[in-house]
Amino acid sequence: MVLINGKPADVSGKTLREYLSAAAYDPTRIAVERNGEIVPKARYDSVLLSDGDSLEIVSFVGGG
């Protein structure tokens, strides 16, 4: 299991991009931290999610 924003998800074996796409995240409007380190957008295709990983995904919102 992978913890995503504190909730367990069975996504081991998927790439980060596969998960983000399936979960309908817009990669241009988010930042992802995996196990305490920011993941550069250029690596979303190569980061393979594994049991025990912890992801924090934050969305950017506009406002004033």
PDB file of N, CA and C in Angstrom:
ATOM      1  N   MET A   1       0.827  -1.191   0.000  1.00  0.00           N
ATOM      2  CA  MET A   1       0.000   0.000   0.000  1.00  0.00           C
ATOM      3  C   MET A   1       0.870   1.254   0.000  1.00  0.00           C
ATOM      4  N   VAL A   2       0.369   2.264  -0.637  1.00  0.00           N
ATOM      5  CA  VAL A   2       1.013   3.566  -0.700  1.00  0.00           C
ATOM      6  C   VAL A   2       0.117   4.554   0.035  1.00  0.00           C
ATOM      7  N   LEU A   3       0.680   5.366   0.907  1.00  0.00           N
ATOM      8  CA  LEU A   3      -0.096   6.413   1.573  1.00  0.00           C
ATOM      9  C   LEU A   3      -0.110   7.641   0.677  1.00  0.00           C
ATOM     10  N   ILE A   4      -1.295   8.097   0.326  1.00  0.00           N
ATOM     11  CA  ILE A   4      -1.432   9.278  -0.514  1.00  0.00           C
ATOM     12  C   ILE A   4      -2.255  10.301   0.260  1.00  0.00           C
ATOM     13  N   ASN A   5      -1.617  11.385   0.618  1.00  0.00           N
ATOM     14  CA  ASN A   5      -2.240  12.402   1.460  1.00  0.00           C
ATOM     15  C   ASN A   5      -2.865  11.767   2.701  1.00  0.00           C
ATOM     16  N   GLY A   6      -2.142  10.796   3.283  1.00  0.00           N
ATOM     17  CA  GLY A   6      -2.563  10.162   4.524  1.00  0.00           C
ATOM     18  C   GLY A   6      -3.540   9.016   4.391  1.00  0.00           C
ATOM     19  N   LYS A   7      -3.959   8.685   3.160  1.00  0.00           N
ATOM     20  CA  LYS A   7      -4.918   7.603   2.946  1.00  0.00           C
ATOM     21  C   LYS A   7      -4.256   6.475   2.160  1.00  0.00           C
ATOM     22  N   PRO A   8      -4.464   5.221   2.589  1.00  0.00           N
ATOM     23  CA  PRO A   8      -3.853   4.102   1.870  1.00  0.00           C
ATOM     24  C   PRO A   8      -4.491   3.885   0.498  1.00  0.00           C
ATOM     25  N   ALA A   9      -3.648   3.544  -0.471  1.00  0.00           N
ATOM     26  CA  ALA A   9      -4.120   3.263  -1.828  1.00  0.00           C
ATOM     27  C   ALA A   9      -3.307   2.103  -2.389  1.00  0.00           C
ATOM     28  N   ASP A  10      -3.969   1.227  -3.114  1.00  0.00           N
ATOM     29  CA  ASP A  10      -3.310   0.067  -3.712  1.00  0.00           C
ATOM     30  C   ASP A  10      -2.834   0.431  -5.117  1.00  0.00           C
ATOM     31  N   VAL A  11      -1.723   1.143  -5.185  1.00  0.00           N
ATOM     32  CA  VAL A  11      -1.204   1.607  -6.481  1.00  0.00           C
ATOM     33  C   VAL A  11       0.248   1.188  -6.698  1.00  0.00           C
ATOM     34  N   SER A  12       0.732   0.265  -5.888  1.00  0.00           N
ATOM     35  CA  SER A  12       2.106  -0.222  -6.053  1.00  0.00           C
ATOM     36  C   SER A  12       2.285  -0.787  -7.450  1.00  0.00           C
ATOM     37  N   GLY A  13       3.433  -0.483  -8.055  1.00  0.00           N
ATOM     38  CA  GLY A  13       3.730  -0.979  -9.392  1.00  0.00           C
ATOM     39  C   GLY A  13       3.351  -0.012 -10.497  1.00  0.00           C
ATOM     40  N   LYS A  14       2.588   1.028 -10.172  1.00  0.00           N
ATOM     41  CA  LYS A  14       2.240   2.038 -11.173  1.00  0.00           C
ATOM     42  C   LYS A  14       3.286   3.142 -11.139  1.00  0.00           C
ATOM     43  N   THR A  15       3.431   3.827 -12.265  1.00  0.00           N
ATOM     44  CA  THR A  15       4.276   5.012 -12.253  1.00  0.00           C
ATOM     45  C   THR A  15       3.475   6.151 -11.632  1.00  0.00           C
ATOM     46  N   LEU A  16       4.188   7.153 -11.196  1.00  0.00           N
ATOM     47  CA  LEU A  16       3.520   8.312 -10.627  1.00  0.00           C
ATOM     48  C   LEU A  16       2.578   8.932 -11.656  1.00  0.00           C
ATOM     49  N   ARG A  17       3.013   9.033 -12.907  1.00  0.00           N
ATOM     50  CA  ARG A  17       2.154   9.623 -13.939  1.00  0.00           C
ATOM     51  C   ARG A  17       0.890   8.793 -14.149  1.00  0.00           C
ATOM     52  N   GLU A  18       1.000   7.462 -14.122  1.00  0.00           N
ATOM     53  CA  GLU A  18      -0.184   6.604 -14.276  1.00  0.00           C
ATOM     54  C   GLU A  18      -1.178   6.868 -13.158  1.00  0.00           C
ATOM     55  N   TYR A  19      -0.675   6.962 -11.926  1.00  0.00           N
ATOM     56  CA  TYR A  19      -1.578   7.235 -10.807  1.00  0.00           C
ATOM     57  C   TYR A  19      -2.243   8.598 -10.955  1.00  0.00           C
ATOM     58  N   LEU A  20      -1.441   9.622 -11.243  1.00  0.00           N
ATOM     59  CA  LEU A  20      -1.982  10.979 -11.351  1.00  0.00           C
ATOM     60  C   LEU A  20      -3.041  11.069 -12.442  1.00  0.00           C
ATOM     61  N   SER A  21      -2.794  10.408 -13.556  1.00  0.00           N
ATOM     62  CA  SER A  21      -3.757  10.402 -14.654  1.00  0.00           C
ATOM     63  C   SER A  21      -5.056   9.705 -14.243  1.00  0.00           C
ATOM     64  N   ALA A  22      -4.939   8.531 -13.613  1.00  0.00           N
ATOM     65  CA  ALA A  22      -6.120   7.781 -13.187  1.00  0.00           C
ATOM     66  C   ALA A  22      -6.923   8.549 -12.141  1.00  0.00           C
ATOM     67  N   ALA A  23      -6.246   9.342 -11.324  1.00  0.00           N
ATOM     68  CA  ALA A  23      -6.912  10.102 -10.275  1.00  0.00           C
ATOM     69  C   ALA A  23      -7.350  11.492 -10.749  1.00  0.00           C
ATOM     70  N   ALA A  24      -7.170  11.776 -12.034  1.00  0.00           N
ATOM     71  CA  ALA A  24      -7.605  13.018 -12.677  1.00  0.00           C
ATOM     72  C   ALA A  24      -6.902  14.269 -12.145  1.00  0.00           C
ATOM     73  N   TYR A  25      -5.639  14.120 -11.737  1.00  0.00           N
ATOM     74  CA  TYR A  25      -4.853  15.296 -11.356  1.00  0.00           C
ATOM     75  C   TYR A  25      -4.292  15.951 -12.610  1.00  0.00           C
ATOM     76  N   ASP A  26      -4.246  17.272 -12.620  1.00  0.00           N
ATOM     77  CA  ASP A  26      -3.622  18.024 -13.701  1.00  0.00           C
ATOM     78  C   ASP A  26      -2.168  18.265 -13.302  1.00  0.00           C
ATOM     79  N   PRO A  27      -1.207  17.579 -13.929  1.00  0.00           N
ATOM     80  CA  PRO A  27       0.199  17.688 -13.519  1.00  0.00           C
ATOM     81  C   PRO A  27       0.759  19.108 -13.556  1.00  0.00           C
ATOM     82  N   THR A  28       0.142  19.994 -14.322  1.00  0.00           N
ATOM     83  CA  THR A  28       0.645  21.364 -14.390  1.00  0.00           C
ATOM     84  C   THR A  28       0.212  22.188 -13.177  1.00  0.00           C
ATOM     85  N   ARG A  29      -0.719  21.676 -12.370  1.00  0.00           N
ATOM     86  CA  ARG A  29      -1.260  22.442 -11.254  1.00  0.00           C
ATOM     87  C   ARG A  29      -1.011  21.805  -9.894  1.00  0.00           C
ATOM     88  N   ILE A  30      -0.044  20.864  -9.848  1.00  0.00           N
ATOM     89  CA  ILE A  30       0.241  20.183  -8.587  1.00  0.00           C
ATOM     90  C   ILE A  30       1.740  20.110  -8.318  1.00  0.00           C
ATOM     91  N   ALA A  31       2.059  19.792  -7.083  1.00  0.00           N
ATOM     92  CA  ALA A  31       3.420  19.428  -6.685  1.00  0.00           C
ATOM     93  C   ALA A  31       3.299  18.118  -5.925  1.00  0.00           C
ATOM     94  N   VAL A  32       4.280  17.236  -6.108  1.00  0.00           N
ATOM     95  CA  VAL A  32       4.250  15.922  -5.470  1.00  0.00           C
ATOM     96  C   VAL A  32       5.517  15.728  -4.646  1.00  0.00           C
ATOM     97  N   GLU A  33       5.315  15.299  -3.405  1.00  0.00           N
ATOM     98  CA  GLU A  33       6.414  14.931  -2.526  1.00  0.00           C
ATOM     99  C   GLU A  33       6.314  13.430  -2.281  1.00  0.00           C
ATOM    100  N   ARG A  34       7.407  12.730  -2.498  1.00  0.00           N
ATOM    101  CA  ARG A  34       7.451  11.276  -2.277  1.00  0.00           C
ATOM    102  C   ARG A  34       8.508  10.980  -1.229  1.00  0.00           C
ATOM    103  N   ASN A  35       8.073  10.391  -0.139  1.00  0.00           N
ATOM    104  CA  ASN A  35       8.991  10.037   0.953  1.00  0.00           C
ATOM    105  C   ASN A  35       9.851  11.223   1.392  1.00  0.00           C
ATOM    106  N   GLY A  36       9.217  12.400   1.453  1.00  0.00           N
ATOM    107  CA  GLY A  36       9.899  13.582   1.961  1.00  0.00           C
ATOM    108  C   GLY A  36      10.682  14.385   0.946  1.00  0.00           C
ATOM    109  N   GLU A  37      10.678  13.971  -0.325  1.00  0.00           N
ATOM    110  CA  GLU A  37      11.424  14.692  -1.354  1.00  0.00           C
ATOM    111  C   GLU A  37      10.500  15.081  -2.506  1.00  0.00           C
ATOM    112  N   ILE A  38      10.661  16.319  -2.980  1.00  0.00           N
ATOM    113  CA  ILE A  38       9.866  16.791  -4.119  1.00  0.00           C
ATOM    114  C   ILE A  38      10.265  16.009  -5.366  1.00  0.00           C
ATOM    115  N   VAL A  39       9.272  15.572  -6.122  1.00  0.00           N
ATOM    116  CA  VAL A  39       9.519  14.846  -7.373  1.00  0.00           C
ATOM    117  C   VAL A  39       9.405  15.844  -8.526  1.00  0.00           C
ATOM    118  N   PRO A  40      10.474  16.044  -9.290  1.00  0.00           N
ATOM    119  CA  PRO A  40      10.391  16.930 -10.461  1.00  0.00           C
ATOM    120  C   PRO A  40       9.391  16.372 -11.490  1.00  0.00           C
ATOM    121  N   LYS A  41       8.644  17.250 -12.112  1.00  0.00           N
ATOM    122  CA  LYS A  41       7.644  16.814 -13.099  1.00  0.00           C
ATOM    123  C   LYS A  41       8.258  15.948 -14.202  1.00  0.00           C
ATOM    124  N   ALA A  42       9.487  16.224 -14.561  1.00  0.00           N
ATOM    125  CA  ALA A  42      10.159  15.458 -15.614  1.00  0.00           C
ATOM    126  C   ALA A  42      10.363  13.995 -15.226  1.00  0.00           C
ATOM    127  N   ARG A  43      10.235  13.668 -13.937  1.00  0.00           N
ATOM    128  CA  ARG A  43      10.453  12.291 -13.486  1.00  0.00           C
ATOM    129  C   ARG A  43       9.153  11.527 -13.227  1.00  0.00           C
ATOM    130  N   TYR A  44       7.998  12.144 -13.453  1.00  0.00           N
ATOM    131  CA  TYR A  44       6.722  11.477 -13.163  1.00  0.00           C
ATOM    132  C   TYR A  44       6.590  10.148 -13.913  1.00  0.00           C
ATOM    133  N   ASP A  45       7.144  10.055 -15.123  1.00  0.00           N
ATOM    134  CA  ASP A  45       7.059   8.808 -15.898  1.00  0.00           C
ATOM    135  C   ASP A  45       7.985   7.725 -15.373  1.00  0.00           C
ATOM    136  N   SER A  46       9.050   8.110 -14.686  1.00  0.00           N
ATOM    137  CA  SER A  46      10.037   7.113 -14.267  1.00  0.00           C
ATOM    138  C   SER A  46       9.937   6.717 -12.792  1.00  0.00           C
ATOM    139  N   VAL A  47       9.166   7.443 -12.010  1.00  0.00           N
ATOM    140  CA  VAL A  47       9.023   7.115 -10.587  1.00  0.00           C
ATOM    141  C   VAL A  47       7.998   5.997 -10.442  1.00  0.00           C
ATOM    142  N   LEU A  48       8.466   4.857  -9.962  1.00  0.00           N
ATOM    143  CA  LEU A  48       7.603   3.693  -9.757  1.00  0.00           C
ATOM    144  C   LEU A  48       7.176   3.660  -8.296  1.00  0.00           C
ATOM    145  N   LEU A  49       5.870   3.607  -8.062  1.00  0.00           N
ATOM    146  CA  LEU A  49       5.347   3.591  -6.699  1.00  0.00           C
ATOM    147  C   LEU A  49       5.512   2.200  -6.094  1.00  0.00           C
ATOM    148  N   SER A  50       5.934   2.156  -4.830  1.00  0.00           N
ATOM    149  CA  SER A  50       6.211   0.895  -4.145  1.00  0.00           C
ATOM    150  C   SER A  50       5.501   0.865  -2.793  1.00  0.00           C
ATOM    151  N   ASP A  51       5.244  -0.356  -2.300  1.00  0.00           N
ATOM    152  CA  ASP A  51       4.674  -0.505  -0.968  1.00  0.00           C
ATOM    153  C   ASP A  51       5.510   0.270   0.042  1.00  0.00           C
ATOM    154  N   GLY A  52       4.844   1.000   0.905  1.00  0.00           N
ATOM    155  CA  GLY A  52       5.537   1.768   1.933  1.00  0.00           C
ATOM    156  C   GLY A  52       5.829   3.202   1.551  1.00  0.00           C
ATOM    157  N   ASP A  53       5.649   3.557   0.264  1.00  0.00           N
ATOM    158  CA  ASP A  53       5.853   4.941  -0.147  1.00  0.00           C
ATOM    159  C   ASP A  53       4.794   5.831   0.488  1.00  0.00           C
ATOM    160  N   SER A  54       5.153   7.082   0.666  1.00  0.00           N
ATOM    161  CA  SER A  54       4.225   8.087   1.166  1.00  0.00           C
ATOM    162  C   SER A  54       4.254   9.266   0.210  1.00  0.00           C
ATOM    163  N   LEU A  55       3.100   9.617  -0.342  1.00  0.00           N
ATOM    164  CA  LEU A  55       2.986  10.748  -1.258  1.00  0.00           C
ATOM    165  C   LEU A  55       2.165  11.855  -0.623  1.00  0.00           C
ATOM    166  N   GLU A  56       2.583  13.064  -0.846  1.00  0.00           N
ATOM    167  CA  GLU A  56       1.787  14.233  -0.516  1.00  0.00           C
ATOM    168  C   GLU A  56       1.611  14.984  -1.829  1.00  0.00           C
ATOM    169  N   ILE A  57       0.368  15.213  -2.198  1.00  0.00           N
ATOM    170  CA  ILE A  57       0.062  15.906  -3.453  1.00  0.00           C
ATOM    171  C   ILE A  57      -0.687  17.194  -3.092  1.00  0.00           C
ATOM    172  N   VAL A  58      -0.141  18.307  -3.521  1.00  0.00           N
ATOM    173  CA  VAL A  58      -0.790  19.592  -3.250  1.00  0.00           C
ATOM    174  C   VAL A  58      -1.115  20.265  -4.573  1.00  0.00           C
ATOM    175  N   SER A  59      -2.278  20.893  -4.591  1.00  0.00           N
ATOM    176  CA  SER A  59      -2.748  21.618  -5.781  1.00  0.00           C
ATOM    177  C   SER A  59      -2.536  23.102  -5.601  1.00  0.00           C
ATOM    178  N   PHE A  60      -2.202  23.768  -6.696  1.00  0.00           N
ATOM    179  CA  PHE A  60      -2.051  25.205  -6.687  1.00  0.00           C
ATOM    180  C   PHE A  60      -3.406  25.821  -7.003  1.00  0.00           C
ATOM    181  N   VAL A  61      -3.785  26.816  -6.244  1.00  0.00           N
ATOM    182  CA  VAL A  61      -5.037  27.512  -6.500  1.00  0.00           C
ATOM    183  C   VAL A  61      -4.751  28.990  -6.613  1.00  0.00           C
ATOM    184  N   GLY A  62      -5.503  29.646  -7.482  1.00  0.00           N
ATOM    185  CA  GLY A  62      -5.335  31.076  -7.654  1.00  0.00           C
ATOM    186  C   GLY A  62      -6.316  31.823  -6.767  1.00  0.00           C
ATOM    187  N   GLY A  63      -6.048  33.050  -6.583  1.00  0.00           N
ATOM    188  CA  GLY A  63      -6.941  33.862  -5.778  1.00  0.00           C
ATOM    189  C   GLY A  63      -6.291  35.191  -5.476  1.00  0.00           C
ATOM    190  N   GLY A  64      -7.037  36.011  -4.821  1.00  0.00           N
ATOM    191  CA  GLY A  64      -6.441  37.300  -4.547  1.00  0.00           C
ATOM    192  C   GLY A  64      -7.012  37.980  -3.383  1.00  0.00           C
TER     193      GLY A  64
END
